[in-house]
Structure formats: structure tokens, C-alpha cells
Amino acid sequence: MPQHATVARWSVLIDAQEASGQSVREFAESRGLNPSTLAWWRWKLERTRGRAAERSPFLELVVDEPTGTGVVLLEIRGLGVQVQVTRDTDLAWLREVLEALC
């Protein structure tokens, strides 16, 4: 079974357990599951969901072009990163750099 299918399966089971009002042990036993395995997946998915909720999908990008220098300073706030580029900078390269940073 592909990994994403496994995660999806356990995510559905954990949602069902929470909606059932049963304890992890009661729910697992009623479904023929190992209670320890269900508890582990619950812990694992809570950690994953928590991280996703904490991280914003957006970062603030500040562009500063000092007059006459030809250099553009890109500051990615939240990461504490600054990248200097010129008007001749390869945009494909810049995209790769920004994707790697974010």
C-alpha cells in the first residue's frame, strides 16, 4: 500500500475514533486493531497536523533597490535571509534558490 494511502487510512480511522466518543482502546478493539498502533498513528498525525497549522504558507518578501547600484536586495522576512540580484539574474536560478529557502 503506498505511503499516502496508509496515512489517509489511519487519518480516517482516527477521525472516526474521535467522533465515536470511545477511548482509543475501545475503538481499536471494536475494529480489530491494535490499540498501541492506533495510539501511535494518532500521535504521529497530531504532530503532523500541528506543524502544518503552525506554519504559514506565506512569507513576506521585501524588495529594496538602492538608486543607481543596479543591485536588487530581496529580503525574506521570517527566514532572516537576504538575496542580492541584478536585473540580469537568471530567473530560473532565482526561483530554485527561493524554493530551496522556503
PDB file of N, CA and C in Angstrom:
ATOM      1  N   MET A   1       0.857  -1.175   0.000  1.00  0.00           N
ATOM      2  CA  MET A   1       0.000   0.000   0.000  1.00  0.00           C
ATOM      3  C   MET A   1       0.901   1.236   0.000  1.00  0.00           C
ATOM      4  N   PRO A   2       0.693   2.192  -0.940  1.00  0.00           N
ATOM      5  CA  PRO A   2       1.517   3.402  -0.965  1.00  0.00           C
ATOM      6  C   PRO A   2       1.409   4.163   0.358  1.00  0.00           C
ATOM      7  N   GLN A   3       2.482   4.873   0.694  1.00  0.00           N
ATOM      8  CA  GLN A   3       2.543   5.563   1.983  1.00  0.00           C
ATOM      9  C   GLN A   3       1.394   6.547   2.163  1.00  0.00           C
ATOM     10  N   HIS A   4       1.050   7.331   1.119  1.00  0.00           N
ATOM     11  CA  HIS A   4      -0.030   8.310   1.273  1.00  0.00           C
ATOM     12  C   HIS A   4      -1.371   7.625   1.516  1.00  0.00           C
ATOM     13  N   ALA A   5      -1.564   6.434   0.971  1.00  0.00           N
ATOM     14  CA  ALA A   5      -2.800   5.687   1.214  1.00  0.00           C
ATOM     15  C   ALA A   5      -2.850   5.197   2.662  1.00  0.00           C
ATOM     16  N   THR A   6      -1.715   4.813   3.196  1.00  0.00           N
ATOM     17  CA  THR A   6      -1.645   4.372   4.585  1.00  0.00           C
ATOM     18  C   THR A   6      -1.968   5.526   5.526  1.00  0.00           C
ATOM     19  N   VAL A   7      -1.377   6.662   5.266  1.00  0.00           N
ATOM     20  CA  VAL A   7      -1.644   7.848   6.089  1.00  0.00           C
ATOM     21  C   VAL A   7      -3.116   8.223   6.003  1.00  0.00           C
ATOM     22  N   ALA A   8      -3.676   8.197   4.805  1.00  0.00           N
ATOM     23  CA  ALA A   8      -5.094   8.535   4.627  1.00  0.00           C
ATOM     24  C   ALA A   8      -5.983   7.552   5.378  1.00  0.00           C
ATOM     25  N   ARG A   9      -5.647   6.279   5.322  1.00  0.00           N
ATOM     26  CA  ARG A   9      -6.445   5.258   6.018  1.00  0.00           C
ATOM     27  C   ARG A   9      -6.454   5.515   7.521  1.00  0.00           C
ATOM     28  N   TRP A  10      -5.269   5.741   8.094  1.00  0.00           N
ATOM     29  CA  TRP A  10      -5.196   5.961   9.539  1.00  0.00           C
ATOM     30  C   TRP A  10      -5.820   7.295   9.932  1.00  0.00           C
ATOM     31  N   SER A  11      -5.726   8.274   9.077  1.00  0.00           N
ATOM     32  CA  SER A  11      -6.352   9.563   9.357  1.00  0.00           C
ATOM     33  C   SER A  11      -7.871   9.414   9.457  1.00  0.00           C
ATOM     34  N   VAL A  12      -8.455   8.637   8.549  1.00  0.00           N
ATOM     35  CA  VAL A  12      -9.903   8.378   8.586  1.00  0.00           C
ATOM     36  C   VAL A  12     -10.271   7.622   9.855  1.00  0.00           C
ATOM     37  N   LEU A  13      -9.476   6.621  10.209  1.00  0.00           N
ATOM     38  CA  LEU A  13      -9.749   5.845  11.420  1.00  0.00           C
ATOM     39  C   LEU A  13      -9.664   6.719  12.677  1.00  0.00           C
ATOM     40  N   ILE A  14      -8.695   7.589  12.735  1.00  0.00           N
ATOM     41  CA  ILE A  14      -8.541   8.450  13.908  1.00  0.00           C
ATOM     42  C   ILE A  14      -9.689   9.450  13.993  1.00  0.00           C
ATOM     43  N   ASP A  15     -10.093  10.004  12.862  1.00  0.00           N
ATOM     44  CA  ASP A  15     -11.258  10.900  12.860  1.00  0.00           C
ATOM     45  C   ASP A  15     -12.502  10.163  13.346  1.00  0.00           C
ATOM     46  N   ALA A  16     -12.663   8.920  12.906  1.00  0.00           N
ATOM     47  CA  ALA A  16     -13.812   8.117  13.319  1.00  0.00           C
ATOM     48  C   ALA A  16     -13.749   7.810  14.814  1.00  0.00           C
ATOM     49  N   GLN A  17     -12.557   7.529  15.312  1.00  0.00           N
ATOM     50  CA  GLN A  17     -12.404   7.255  16.749  1.00  0.00           C
ATOM     51  C   GLN A  17     -12.768   8.480  17.569  1.00  0.00           C
ATOM     52  N   GLU A  18     -12.304   9.642  17.152  1.00  0.00           N
ATOM     53  CA  GLU A  18     -12.608  10.870  17.886  1.00  0.00           C
ATOM     54  C   GLU A  18     -14.101  11.172  17.861  1.00  0.00           C
ATOM     55  N   ALA A  19     -14.750  10.926  16.733  1.00  0.00           N
ATOM     56  CA  ALA A  19     -16.189  11.191  16.608  1.00  0.00           C
ATOM     57  C   ALA A  19     -17.017  10.170  17.376  1.00  0.00           C
ATOM     58  N   SER A  20     -16.466   8.989  17.621  1.00  0.00           N
ATOM     59  CA  SER A  20     -17.220   7.910  18.263  1.00  0.00           C
ATOM     60  C   SER A  20     -17.431   8.133  19.758  1.00  0.00           C
ATOM     61  N   GLY A  21     -16.558   8.905  20.373  1.00  0.00           N
ATOM     62  CA  GLY A  21     -16.640   9.078  21.819  1.00  0.00           C
ATOM     63  C   GLY A  21     -16.006   7.932  22.584  1.00  0.00           C
ATOM     64  N   GLN A  22     -15.522   6.916  21.883  1.00  0.00           N
ATOM     65  CA  GLN A  22     -14.866   5.777  22.523  1.00  0.00           C
ATOM     66  C   GLN A  22     -13.401   6.107  22.791  1.00  0.00           C
ATOM     67  N   SER A  23     -12.853   5.420  23.769  1.00  0.00           N
ATOM     68  CA  SER A  23     -11.414   5.551  24.001  1.00  0.00           C
ATOM     69  C   SER A  23     -10.680   4.896  22.829  1.00  0.00           C
ATOM     70  N   VAL A  24      -9.389   5.175  22.756  1.00  0.00           N
ATOM     71  CA  VAL A  24      -8.570   4.555  21.711  1.00  0.00           C
ATOM     72  C   VAL A  24      -8.658   3.039  21.828  1.00  0.00           C
ATOM     73  N   ARG A  25      -8.536   2.517  23.048  1.00  0.00           N
ATOM     74  CA  ARG A  25      -8.576   1.069  23.264  1.00  0.00           C
ATOM     75  C   ARG A  25      -9.923   0.489  22.838  1.00  0.00           C
ATOM     76  N   GLU A  26     -11.030   1.102  23.271  1.00  0.00           N
ATOM     77  CA  GLU A  26     -12.368   0.586  22.920  1.00  0.00           C
ATOM     78  C   GLU A  26     -12.578   0.589  21.415  1.00  0.00           C
ATOM     79  N   PHE A  27     -12.216   1.703  20.781  1.00  0.00           N
ATOM     80  CA  PHE A  27     -12.406   1.823  19.331  1.00  0.00           C
ATOM     81  C   PHE A  27     -11.560   0.792  18.595  1.00  0.00           C
ATOM     82  N   ALA A  28     -10.292   0.684  18.980  1.00  0.00           N
ATOM     83  CA  ALA A  28      -9.387  -0.252  18.308  1.00  0.00           C
ATOM     84  C   ALA A  28      -9.893  -1.683  18.437  1.00  0.00           C
ATOM     85  N   GLU A  29     -10.288  -2.065  19.635  1.00  0.00           N
ATOM     86  CA  GLU A  29     -10.767  -3.434  19.841  1.00  0.00           C
ATOM     87  C   GLU A  29     -12.051  -3.703  19.072  1.00  0.00           C
ATOM     88  N   SER A  30     -12.921  -2.690  18.961  1.00  0.00           N
ATOM     89  CA  SER A  30     -14.168  -2.888  18.214  1.00  0.00           C
ATOM     90  C   SER A  30     -13.923  -3.043  16.715  1.00  0.00           C
ATOM     91  N   ARG A  31     -12.772  -2.577  16.233  1.00  0.00           N
ATOM     92  CA  ARG A  31     -12.425  -2.661  14.814  1.00  0.00           C
ATOM     93  C   ARG A  31     -11.368  -3.716  14.529  1.00  0.00           C
ATOM     94  N   GLY A  32     -10.940  -4.419  15.554  1.00  0.00           N
ATOM     95  CA  GLY A  32      -9.911  -5.436  15.349  1.00  0.00           C
ATOM     96  C   GLY A  32      -8.531  -4.849  15.109  1.00  0.00           C
ATOM     97  N   LEU A  33      -8.291  -3.675  15.661  1.00  0.00           N
ATOM     98  CA  LEU A  33      -6.999  -3.006  15.503  1.00  0.00           C
ATOM     99  C   LEU A  33      -6.180  -3.128  16.779  1.00  0.00           C
ATOM    100  N   ASN A  34      -4.887  -2.995  16.642  1.00  0.00           N
ATOM    101  CA  ASN A  34      -4.007  -2.967  17.799  1.00  0.00           C
ATOM    102  C   ASN A  34      -4.126  -1.582  18.439  1.00  0.00           C
ATOM    103  N   PRO A  35      -4.526  -1.481  19.710  1.00  0.00           N
ATOM    104  CA  PRO A  35      -4.671  -0.174  20.352  1.00  0.00           C
ATOM    105  C   PRO A  35      -3.385   0.648  20.359  1.00  0.00           C
ATOM    106  N   SER A  36      -2.249  -0.007  20.512  1.00  0.00           N
ATOM    107  CA  SER A  36      -0.965   0.714  20.511  1.00  0.00           C
ATOM    108  C   SER A  36      -0.676   1.320  19.144  1.00  0.00           C
ATOM    109  N   THR A  37      -1.007   0.592  18.102  1.00  0.00           N
ATOM    110  CA  THR A  37      -0.788   1.098  16.737  1.00  0.00           C
ATOM    111  C   THR A  37      -1.693   2.297  16.470  1.00  0.00           C
ATOM    112  N   LEU A  38      -2.949   2.200  16.881  1.00  0.00           N
ATOM    113  CA  LEU A  38      -3.874   3.327  16.704  1.00  0.00           C
ATOM    114  C   LEU A  38      -3.391   4.535  17.493  1.00  0.00           C
ATOM    115  N   ALA A  39      -2.931   4.334  18.710  1.00  0.00           N
ATOM    116  CA  ALA A  39      -2.428   5.434  19.537  1.00  0.00           C
ATOM    117  C   ALA A  39      -1.194   6.072  18.898  1.00  0.00           C
ATOM    118  N   TRP A  40      -0.307   5.245  18.332  1.00  0.00           N
ATOM    119  CA  TRP A  40       0.883   5.781  17.681  1.00  0.00           C
ATOM    120  C   TRP A  40       0.509   6.641  16.479  1.00  0.00           C
ATOM    121  N   TRP A  41      -0.409   6.139  15.644  1.00  0.00           N
ATOM    122  CA  TRP A  41      -0.832   6.909  14.471  1.00  0.00           C
ATOM    123  C   TRP A  41      -1.526   8.201  14.893  1.00  0.00           C
ATOM    124  N   ARG A  42      -2.281   8.146  15.957  1.00  0.00           N
ATOM    125  CA  ARG A  42      -2.943   9.364  16.452  1.00  0.00           C
ATOM    126  C   ARG A  42      -1.886  10.395  16.846  1.00  0.00           C
ATOM    127  N   TRP A  43      -0.876   9.947  17.589  1.00  0.00           N
ATOM    128  CA  TRP A  43       0.220  10.827  17.989  1.00  0.00           C
ATOM    129  C   TRP A  43       0.954  11.385  16.765  1.00  0.00           C
ATOM    130  N   LYS A  44       1.263  10.500  15.823  1.00  0.00           N
ATOM    131  CA  LYS A  44       2.003  10.899  14.616  1.00  0.00           C
ATOM    132  C   LYS A  44       1.229  11.936  13.813  1.00  0.00           C
ATOM    133  N   LEU A  45      -0.050  11.709  13.590  1.00  0.00           N
ATOM    134  CA  LEU A  45      -0.845  12.626  12.786  1.00  0.00           C
ATOM    135  C   LEU A  45      -1.108  13.941  13.520  1.00  0.00           C
ATOM    136  N   GLU A  46      -1.237  13.903  14.842  1.00  0.00           N
ATOM    137  CA  GLU A  46      -1.399  15.152  15.598  1.00  0.00           C
ATOM    138  C   GLU A  46      -0.152  16.016  15.453  1.00  0.00           C
ATOM    139  N   ARG A  47       1.023  15.404  15.491  1.00  0.00           N
ATOM    140  CA  ARG A  47       2.271  16.152  15.302  1.00  0.00           C
ATOM    141  C   ARG A  47       2.321  16.765  13.915  1.00  0.00           C
ATOM    142  N   THR A  48       1.961  15.983  12.897  1.00  0.00           N
ATOM    143  CA  THR A  48       1.985  16.464  11.520  1.00  0.00           C
ATOM    144  C   THR A  48       0.980  17.587  11.315  1.00  0.00           C
ATOM    145  N   ARG A  49      -0.226  17.392  11.816  1.00  0.00           N
ATOM    146  CA  ARG A  49      -1.261  18.419  11.677  1.00  0.00           C
ATOM    147  C   ARG A  49      -0.880  19.673  12.434  1.00  0.00           C
ATOM    148  N   GLY A  50      -0.277  19.514  13.598  1.00  0.00           N
ATOM    149  CA  GLY A  50       0.146  20.661  14.397  1.00  0.00           C
ATOM    150  C   GLY A  50       1.195  21.498  13.693  1.00  0.00           C
ATOM    151  N   ARG A  51       2.156  20.845  13.063  1.00  0.00           N
ATOM    152  CA  ARG A  51       3.186  21.575  12.338  1.00  0.00           C
ATOM    153  C   ARG A  51       2.596  22.332  11.163  1.00  0.00           C
ATOM    154  N   ALA A  52       1.684  21.709  10.467  1.00  0.00           N
ATOM    155  CA  ALA A  52       1.070  22.374   9.320  1.00  0.00           C
ATOM    156  C   ALA A  52       0.276  23.589   9.767  1.00  0.00           C
ATOM    157  N   ALA A  53      -0.388  23.507  10.914  1.00  0.00           N
ATOM    158  CA  ALA A  53      -1.185  24.627  11.406  1.00  0.00           C
ATOM    159  C   ALA A  53      -0.295  25.764  11.881  1.00  0.00           C
ATOM    160  N   GLU A  54       0.908  25.447  12.404  1.00  0.00           N
ATOM    161  CA  GLU A  54       1.804  26.473  12.915  1.00  0.00           C
ATOM    162  C   GLU A  54       2.470  27.249  11.796  1.00  0.00           C
ATOM    163  N   ARG A  55       2.740  26.601  10.680  1.00  0.00           N
ATOM    164  CA  ARG A  55       3.457  27.241   9.593  1.00  0.00           C
ATOM    165  C   ARG A  55       2.510  27.946   8.655  1.00  0.00           C
ATOM    166  N   SER A  56       2.828  29.166   8.349  1.00  0.00           N
ATOM    167  CA  SER A  56       2.058  29.903   7.362  1.00  0.00           C
ATOM    168  C   SER A  56       2.596  29.558   5.977  1.00  0.00           C
ATOM    169  N   PRO A  57       1.718  29.440   4.989  1.00  0.00           N
ATOM    170  CA  PRO A  57       2.214  29.149   3.644  1.00  0.00           C
ATOM    171  C   PRO A  57       2.820  30.379   2.968  1.00  0.00           C
ATOM    172  N   PHE A  58       2.768  31.538   3.648  1.00  0.00           N
ATOM    173  CA  PHE A  58       3.247  32.779   3.045  1.00  0.00           C
ATOM    174  C   PHE A  58       4.407  33.356   3.833  1.00  0.00           C
ATOM    175  N   LEU A  59       5.354  33.926   3.120  1.00  0.00           N
ATOM    176  CA  LEU A  59       6.453  34.661   3.717  1.00  0.00           C
ATOM    177  C   LEU A  59       6.444  36.055   3.126  1.00  0.00           C
ATOM    178  N   GLU A  60       6.875  37.027   3.900  1.00  0.00           N
ATOM    179  CA  GLU A  60       6.925  38.398   3.415  1.00  0.00           C
ATOM    180  C   GLU A  60       8.229  38.611   2.664  1.00  0.00           C
ATOM    181  N   LEU A  61       8.114  39.120   1.453  1.00  0.00           N
ATOM    182  CA  LEU A  61       9.276  39.415   0.627  1.00  0.00           C
ATOM    183  C   LEU A  61       9.376  40.926   0.490  1.00  0.00           C
ATOM    184  N   VAL A  62      10.504  41.498   0.912  1.00  0.00           N
ATOM    185  CA  VAL A  62      10.732  42.933   0.817  1.00  0.00           C
ATOM    186  C   VAL A  62      11.774  43.160  -0.273  1.00  0.00           C
ATOM    187  N   VAL A  63      11.453  44.025  -1.219  1.00  0.00           N
ATOM    188  CA  VAL A  63      12.358  44.319  -2.328  1.00  0.00           C
ATOM    189  C   VAL A  63      12.887  45.731  -2.147  1.00  0.00           C
ATOM    190  N   ASP A  64      14.204  45.865  -2.134  1.00  0.00           N
ATOM    191  CA  ASP A  64      14.843  47.162  -1.958  1.00  0.00           C
ATOM    192  C   ASP A  64      15.846  47.353  -3.085  1.00  0.00           C
ATOM    193  N   GLU A  65      15.691  48.450  -3.815  1.00  0.00           N
ATOM    194  CA  GLU A  65      16.620  48.737  -4.907  1.00  0.00           C
ATOM    195  C   GLU A  65      17.264  50.092  -4.640  1.00  0.00           C
ATOM    196  N   PRO A  66      18.472  50.075  -4.050  1.00  0.00           N
ATOM    197  CA  PRO A  66      19.157  51.351  -3.841  1.00  0.00           C
ATOM    198  C   PRO A  66      19.403  52.023  -5.185  1.00  0.00           C
ATOM    199  N   THR A  67      19.152  53.300  -5.260  1.00  0.00           N
ATOM    200  CA  THR A  67      19.260  54.015  -6.534  1.00  0.00           C
ATOM    201  C   THR A  67      20.654  53.971  -7.131  1.00  0.00           C
ATOM    202  N   GLY A  68      20.671  53.640  -8.400  1.00  0.00           N
ATOM    203  CA  GLY A  68      21.890  53.697  -9.178  1.00  0.00           C
ATOM    204  C   GLY A  68      22.846  52.519  -9.025  1.00  0.00           C
ATOM    205  N   THR A  69      22.546  51.559  -8.173  1.00  0.00           N
ATOM    206  CA  THR A  69      23.500  50.462  -7.979  1.00  0.00           C
ATOM    207  C   THR A  69      23.291  49.325  -8.965  1.00  0.00           C
ATOM    208  N   GLY A  70      22.065  49.150  -9.451  1.00  0.00           N
ATOM    209  CA  GLY A  70      21.772  48.032 -10.337  1.00  0.00           C
ATOM    210  C   GLY A  70      21.585  46.725  -9.591  1.00  0.00           C
ATOM    211  N   VAL A  71      21.712  46.762  -8.277  1.00  0.00           N
ATOM    212  CA  VAL A  71      21.546  45.578  -7.454  1.00  0.00           C
ATOM    213  C   VAL A  71      20.200  45.679  -6.734  1.00  0.00           C
ATOM    214  N   VAL A  72      19.488  44.564  -6.717  1.00  0.00           N
ATOM    215  CA  VAL A  72      18.207  44.496  -6.003  1.00  0.00           C
ATOM    216  C   VAL A  72      18.400  43.563  -4.820  1.00  0.00           C
ATOM    217  N   LEU A  73      17.993  44.029  -3.666  1.00  0.00           N
ATOM    218  CA  LEU A  73      18.101  43.228  -2.457  1.00  0.00           C
ATOM    219  C   LEU A  73      16.727  42.661  -2.130  1.00  0.00           C
ATOM    220  N   LEU A  74      16.630  41.318  -2.091  1.00  0.00           N
ATOM    221  CA  LEU A  74      15.399  40.634  -1.714  1.00  0.00           C
ATOM    222  C   LEU A  74      15.577  40.130  -0.290  1.00  0.00           C
ATOM    223  N   GLU A  75      14.728  40.572   0.606  1.00  0.00           N
ATOM    224  CA  GLU A  75      14.794  40.113   1.988  1.00  0.00           C
ATOM    225  C   GLU A  75      13.563  39.267   2.266  1.00  0.00           C
ATOM    226  N   ILE A  76      13.785  38.044   2.716  1.00  0.00           N
ATOM    227  CA  ILE A  76      12.684  37.138   3.039  1.00  0.00           C
ATOM    228  C   ILE A  76      12.515  37.173   4.548  1.00  0.00           C
ATOM    229  N   ARG A  77      11.518  37.924   4.981  1.00  0.00           N
ATOM    230  CA  ARG A  77      11.290  38.063   6.416  1.00  0.00           C
ATOM    231  C   ARG A  77      10.731  36.768   6.966  1.00  0.00           C
ATOM    232  N   GLY A  78      11.077  36.462   8.169  1.00  0.00           N
ATOM    233  CA  GLY A  78      10.651  35.219   8.785  1.00  0.00           C
ATOM    234  C   GLY A  78      11.725  34.153   8.658  1.00  0.00           C
ATOM    235  N   LEU A  79      12.574  34.297   7.653  1.00  0.00           N
ATOM    236  CA  LEU A  79      13.702  33.377   7.494  1.00  0.00           C
ATOM    237  C   LEU A  79      15.021  34.065   7.792  1.00  0.00           C
ATOM    238  N   GLY A  80      14.999  35.404   7.813  1.00  0.00           N
ATOM    239  CA  GLY A  80      16.230  36.145   8.046  1.00  0.00           C
ATOM    240  C   GLY A  80      17.218  35.991   6.911  1.00  0.00           C
ATOM    241  N   VAL A  81      16.715  35.938   5.678  1.00  0.00           N
ATOM    242  CA  VAL A  81      17.564  35.703   4.511  1.00  0.00           C
ATOM    243  C   VAL A  81      17.498  36.912   3.587  1.00  0.00           C
ATOM    244  N   GLN A  82      18.660  37.278   3.048  1.00  0.00           N
ATOM    245  CA  GLN A  82      18.729  38.320   2.037  1.00  0.00           C
ATOM    246  C   GLN A  82      19.438  37.765   0.812  1.00  0.00           C
ATOM    247  N   VAL A  83      18.895  38.083  -0.358  1.00  0.00           N
ATOM    248  CA  VAL A  83      19.491  37.639  -1.617  1.00  0.00           C
ATOM    249  C   VAL A  83      19.683  38.871  -2.487  1.00  0.00           C
ATOM    250  N   GLN A  84      20.888  39.046  -3.001  1.00  0.00           N
ATOM    251  CA  GLN A  84      21.157  40.166  -3.898  1.00  0.00           C
ATOM    252  C   GLN A  84      21.126  39.675  -5.327  1.00  0.00           C
ATOM    253  N   VAL A  85      20.395  40.375  -6.162  1.00  0.00           N
ATOM    254  CA  VAL A  85      20.307  40.029  -7.577  1.00  0.00           C
ATOM    255  C   VAL A  85      20.452  41.298  -8.406  1.00  0.00           C
ATOM    256  N   THR A  86      20.749  41.098  -9.665  1.00  0.00           N
ATOM    257  CA  THR A  86      20.768  42.214 -10.605  1.00  0.00           C
ATOM    258  C   THR A  86      19.653  41.984 -11.613  1.00  0.00           C
ATOM    259  N   ARG A  87      19.443  42.937 -12.450  1.00  0.00           N
ATOM    260  CA  ARG A  87      18.394  42.799 -13.474  1.00  0.00           C
ATOM    261  C   ARG A  87      18.723  41.679 -14.454  1.00  0.00           C
ATOM    262  N   ASP A  88      19.981  41.276 -14.522  1.00  0.00           N
ATOM    263  CA  ASP A  88      20.404  40.208 -15.430  1.00  0.00           C
ATOM    264  C   ASP A  88      20.374  38.828 -14.781  1.00  0.00           C
ATOM    265  N   THR A  89      19.943  38.737 -13.538  1.00  0.00           N
ATOM    266  CA  THR A  89      19.926  37.446 -12.832  1.00  0.00           C
ATOM    267  C   THR A  89      18.987  36.480 -13.546  1.00  0.00           C
ATOM    268  N   ASP A  90      19.446  35.259 -13.699  1.00  0.00           N
ATOM    269  CA  ASP A  90      18.641  34.207 -14.324  1.00  0.00           C
ATOM    270  C   ASP A  90      17.435  33.913 -13.426  1.00  0.00           C
ATOM    271  N   LEU A  91      16.228  34.132 -13.926  1.00  0.00           N
ATOM    272  CA  LEU A  91      15.021  33.952 -13.123  1.00  0.00           C
ATOM    273  C   LEU A  91      14.778  32.497 -12.740  1.00  0.00           C
ATOM    274  N   ALA A  92      15.191  31.562 -13.582  1.00  0.00           N
ATOM    275  CA  ALA A  92      15.054  30.142 -13.243  1.00  0.00           C
ATOM    276  C   ALA A  92      15.945  29.810 -12.040  1.00  0.00           C
ATOM    277  N   TRP A  93      17.153  30.353 -12.026  1.00  0.00           N
ATOM    278  CA  TRP A  93      18.057  30.155 -10.896  1.00  0.00           C
ATOM    279  C   TRP A  93      17.476  30.782  -9.629  1.00  0.00           C
ATOM    280  N   LEU A  94      16.960  31.998  -9.754  1.00  0.00           N
ATOM    281  CA  LEU A  94      16.362  32.690  -8.601  1.00  0.00           C
ATOM    282  C   LEU A  94      15.187  31.894  -8.035  1.00  0.00           C
ATOM    283  N   ARG A  95      14.369  31.353  -8.902  1.00  0.00           N
ATOM    284  CA  ARG A  95      13.253  30.526  -8.460  1.00  0.00           C
ATOM    285  C   ARG A  95      13.749  29.309  -7.684  1.00  0.00           C
ATOM    286  N   GLU A  96      14.783  28.635  -8.183  1.00  0.00           N
ATOM    287  CA  GLU A  96      15.339  27.478  -7.483  1.00  0.00           C
ATOM    288  C   GLU A  96      15.867  27.867  -6.106  1.00  0.00           C
ATOM    289  N   VAL A  97      16.534  29.000  -6.026  1.00  0.00           N
ATOM    290  CA  VAL A  97      17.066  29.467  -4.746  1.00  0.00           C
ATOM    291  C   VAL A  97      15.916  29.733  -3.768  1.00  0.00           C
ATOM    292  N   LEU A  98      14.900  30.444  -4.219  1.00  0.00           N
ATOM    293  CA  LEU A  98      13.768  30.775  -3.343  1.00  0.00           C
ATOM    294  C   LEU A  98      13.007  29.523  -2.916  1.00  0.00           C
ATOM    295  N   GLU A  99      12.822  28.576  -3.823  1.00  0.00           N
ATOM    296  CA  GLU A  99      12.147  27.319  -3.457  1.00  0.00           C
ATOM    297  C   GLU A  99      12.958  26.532  -2.438  1.00  0.00           C
ATOM    298  N   ALA A 100      14.280  26.554  -2.589  1.00  0.00           N
ATOM    299  CA  ALA A 100      15.125  25.842  -1.634  1.00  0.00           C
ATOM    300  C   ALA A 100      15.080  26.489  -0.252  1.00  0.00           C
ATOM    301  N   LEU A 101      14.983  27.792  -0.219  1.00  0.00           N
ATOM    302  CA  LEU A 101      14.932  28.505   1.054  1.00  0.00           C
ATOM    303  C   LEU A 101      13.586  28.360   1.759  1.00  0.00           C
ATOM    304  N   CYS A 102      12.555  28.294   0.974  1.00  0.00           N
ATOM    305  CA  CYS A 102      11.205  28.264   1.566  1.00  0.00           C
ATOM    306  C   CYS A 102      10.709  26.856   1.631  1.00  0.00           C
TER     307      CYS A 102
END
